[in-house]
C-alpha atoms as a PDB file:
ATOM      1  CA  MET A   1      -4.843  10.221 -12.502  1.00  0.00           C
ATOM      2  CA  ASP A   2      -2.710  12.087 -10.056  1.00  0.00           C
ATOM      3  CA  ALA A   3      -1.414  10.084  -6.864  1.00  0.00           C
ATOM      4  CA  GLU A   4      -4.101  10.857  -4.358  1.00  0.00           C
ATOM      5  CA  SER A   5      -6.992   9.735  -6.466  1.00  0.00           C
ATOM      6  CA  ILE A   6      -5.206   6.331  -7.016  1.00  0.00           C
ATOM      7  CA  ILE A   7      -4.659   5.666  -3.132  1.00  0.00           C
ATOM      8  CA  LEU A   8      -8.197   5.707  -1.428  1.00  0.00           C
ATOM      9  CA  TYR A   9      -6.829   4.612   2.079  1.00  0.00           C
ATOM     10  CA  PRO A  10      -4.747   2.018   4.174  1.00  0.00           C
ATOM     11  CA  LEU A  11      -6.603  -1.031   4.791  1.00  0.00           C
ATOM     12  CA  ILE A  12      -6.458  -1.938   8.873  1.00  0.00           C
ATOM     13  CA  SER A  13      -7.410  -5.469   9.567  1.00  0.00           C
ATOM     14  CA  GLU A  14      -5.168  -8.376  11.239  1.00  0.00           C
ATOM     15  CA  LYS A  15      -3.823 -10.136   8.127  1.00  0.00           C
ATOM     16  CA  ALA A  16      -2.849  -6.338   7.002  1.00  0.00           C
ATOM     17  CA  ILE A  17      -1.028  -5.610  10.627  1.00  0.00           C
ATOM     18  CA  SER A  18       0.669  -9.103  10.259  1.00  0.00           C
ATOM     19  CA  LEU A  19       2.041  -7.974   6.598  1.00  0.00           C
ATOM     20  CA  ILE A  20       3.369  -4.778   8.205  1.00  0.00           C
ATOM     21  CA  HIS A  21       5.432  -6.859  10.614  1.00  0.00           C
ATOM     22  CA  ASN A  22       6.838  -9.640   8.685  1.00  0.00           C
ATOM     23  CA  SER A  23       7.345  -8.979   5.190  1.00  0.00           C
ATOM     24  CA  ASN A  24       7.904  -4.722   5.822  1.00  0.00           C
ATOM     25  CA  THR A  25       4.604  -4.614   3.042  1.00  0.00           C
ATOM     26  CA  ILE A  26       1.592  -2.133   3.899  1.00  0.00           C
ATOM     27  CA  VAL A  27      -1.825  -2.797   1.952  1.00  0.00           C
ATOM     28  CA  PHE A  28      -3.877  -0.330   0.702  1.00  0.00           C
ATOM     29  CA  ILE A  29      -7.233  -0.044  -0.911  1.00  0.00           C
ATOM     30  CA  VAL A  30      -6.901   1.946  -4.256  1.00  0.00           C
ATOM     31  CA  ARG A  31      -9.005   2.732  -7.670  1.00  0.00           C
ATOM     32  CA  SER A  32     -10.137  -0.446  -9.530  1.00  0.00           C
ATOM     33  CA  ASP A  33      -8.738   0.890 -12.774  1.00  0.00           C
ATOM     34  CA  ALA A  34      -5.217   2.212 -11.092  1.00  0.00           C
ATOM     35  CA  THR A  35      -2.170  -0.319 -12.725  1.00  0.00           C
ATOM     36  CA  LYS A  36       0.501  -1.644 -10.350  1.00  0.00           C
ATOM     37  CA  GLN A  37       2.834   1.382 -12.165  1.00  0.00           C
ATOM     38  CA  GLN A  38       0.526   4.021 -11.154  1.00  0.00           C
ATOM     39  CA  ILE A  39       0.004   2.563  -7.763  1.00  0.00           C
ATOM     40  CA  ARG A  40       3.879   2.363  -7.130  1.00  0.00           C
ATOM     41  CA  ARG A  41       4.484   5.670  -8.337  1.00  0.00           C
ATOM     42  CA  ALA A  42       1.380   7.057  -6.021  1.00  0.00           C
ATOM     43  CA  VAL A  43       3.370   5.386  -2.876  1.00  0.00           C
ATOM     44  CA  GLU A  44       6.837   6.356  -3.605  1.00  0.00           C
ATOM     45  CA  ASP A  45       5.376  10.236  -4.121  1.00  0.00           C
ATOM     46  CA  LEU A  46       2.969  10.188  -1.760  1.00  0.00           C
ATOM     47  CA  TYR A  47       4.808   8.904   1.156  1.00  0.00           C
ATOM     48  CA  GLY A  48       8.713   9.486   0.087  1.00  0.00           C
ATOM     49  CA  VAL A  49       9.169   5.522   0.442  1.00  0.00           C
ATOM     50  CA  HIS A  50      10.874   3.350  -2.229  1.00  0.00           C
ATOM     51  CA  VAL A  51       8.793   0.584  -3.431  1.00  0.00           C
ATOM     52  CA  THR A  52      10.274  -3.166  -4.185  1.00  0.00           C
ATOM     53  CA  ASP A  53       6.899  -4.913  -5.280  1.00  0.00           C
ATOM     54  CA  VAL A  54       3.435  -4.411  -5.802  1.00  0.00           C
ATOM     55  CA  ASN A  55       0.648  -7.188  -6.022  1.00  0.00           C
ATOM     56  CA  THR A  56      -2.992  -6.389  -6.540  1.00  0.00           C
ATOM     57  CA  ALA A  57      -6.229  -8.200  -5.742  1.00  0.00           C
ATOM     58  CA  ILE A  58     -10.146  -7.671  -6.184  1.00  0.00           C
ATOM     59  CA  THR A  59     -11.847  -8.421  -3.288  1.00  0.00           C
ATOM     60  CA  LYS A  60     -15.348 -10.238  -3.113  1.00  0.00           C
ATOM     61  CA  ASP A  61     -17.370  -6.613  -2.912  1.00  0.00           C
ATOM     62  CA  GLY A  62     -15.114  -5.229  -5.634  1.00  0.00           C
ATOM     63  CA  ARG A  63     -12.370  -3.354  -4.108  1.00  0.00           C
ATOM     64  CA  LYS A  64      -8.916  -3.532  -5.252  1.00  0.00           C
ATOM     65  CA  LYS A  65      -6.527  -3.917  -2.798  1.00  0.00           C
ATOM     66  CA  ALA A  66      -2.689  -3.336  -3.154  1.00  0.00           C
ATOM     67  CA  TYR A  67      -0.049  -4.856  -1.502  1.00  0.00           C
ATOM     68  CA  VAL A  68       3.080  -2.861  -1.492  1.00  0.00           C
ATOM     69  CA  ARG A  69       6.730  -3.852  -0.544  1.00  0.00           C
ATOM     70  CA  LEU A  70       8.912  -1.618   0.769  1.00  0.00           C
ATOM     71  CA  VAL A  71      12.816  -1.835   0.054  1.00  0.00           C
ATOM     72  CA  GLU A  72      14.957  -3.064   2.454  1.00  0.00           C
ATOM     73  CA  GLY A  73      16.345  -0.388   4.915  1.00  0.00           C
ATOM     74  CA  GLU A  74      12.726   0.991   5.123  1.00  0.00           C
ATOM     75  CA  SER A  75      10.160   0.262   7.231  1.00  0.00           C
ATOM     76  CA  ALA A  76       6.658  -0.420   6.592  1.00  0.00           C
ATOM     77  CA  LEU A  77       5.905  -0.214  10.611  1.00  0.00           C
ATOM     78  CA  ASP A  78       7.051   3.639  10.305  1.00  0.00           C
ATOM     79  CA  LEU A  79       5.249   4.358   7.238  1.00  0.00           C
ATOM     80  CA  ALA A  80       1.535   2.683   9.222  1.00  0.00           C
ATOM     81  CA  THR A  81       2.783   4.612  12.086  1.00  0.00           C
ATOM     82  CA  LYS A  82       3.132   7.746  10.201  1.00  0.00           C
ATOM     83  CA  LEU A  83      -0.209   6.886   8.563  1.00  0.00           C
ATOM     84  CA  GLY A  84      -2.144   6.120  11.525  1.00  0.00           C
ATOM     85  CA  VAL A  85      -2.692   2.144  11.336  1.00  0.00           C
ATOM     86  CA  ILE A  86      -0.821   1.360  13.914  1.00  0.00           C
END
């Protein structure tokens, strides 16, 4: 899988915006068969940031959410602004 096919789109919700501001974490909807390592590599390759941690969850409607925390010193707010989330 290539990086562009793994990351479908950034999630825009009140909770996702709160995570950007409070936890330096940005939330993406990703392919349901993508692993945490593939998600980490895709975010680092596509957006030129360094990832500390990736957590995933399956929503009630079957989509896979990836909570991607960036390393200290890199801003999820800057990335969100670049992506047009904020």
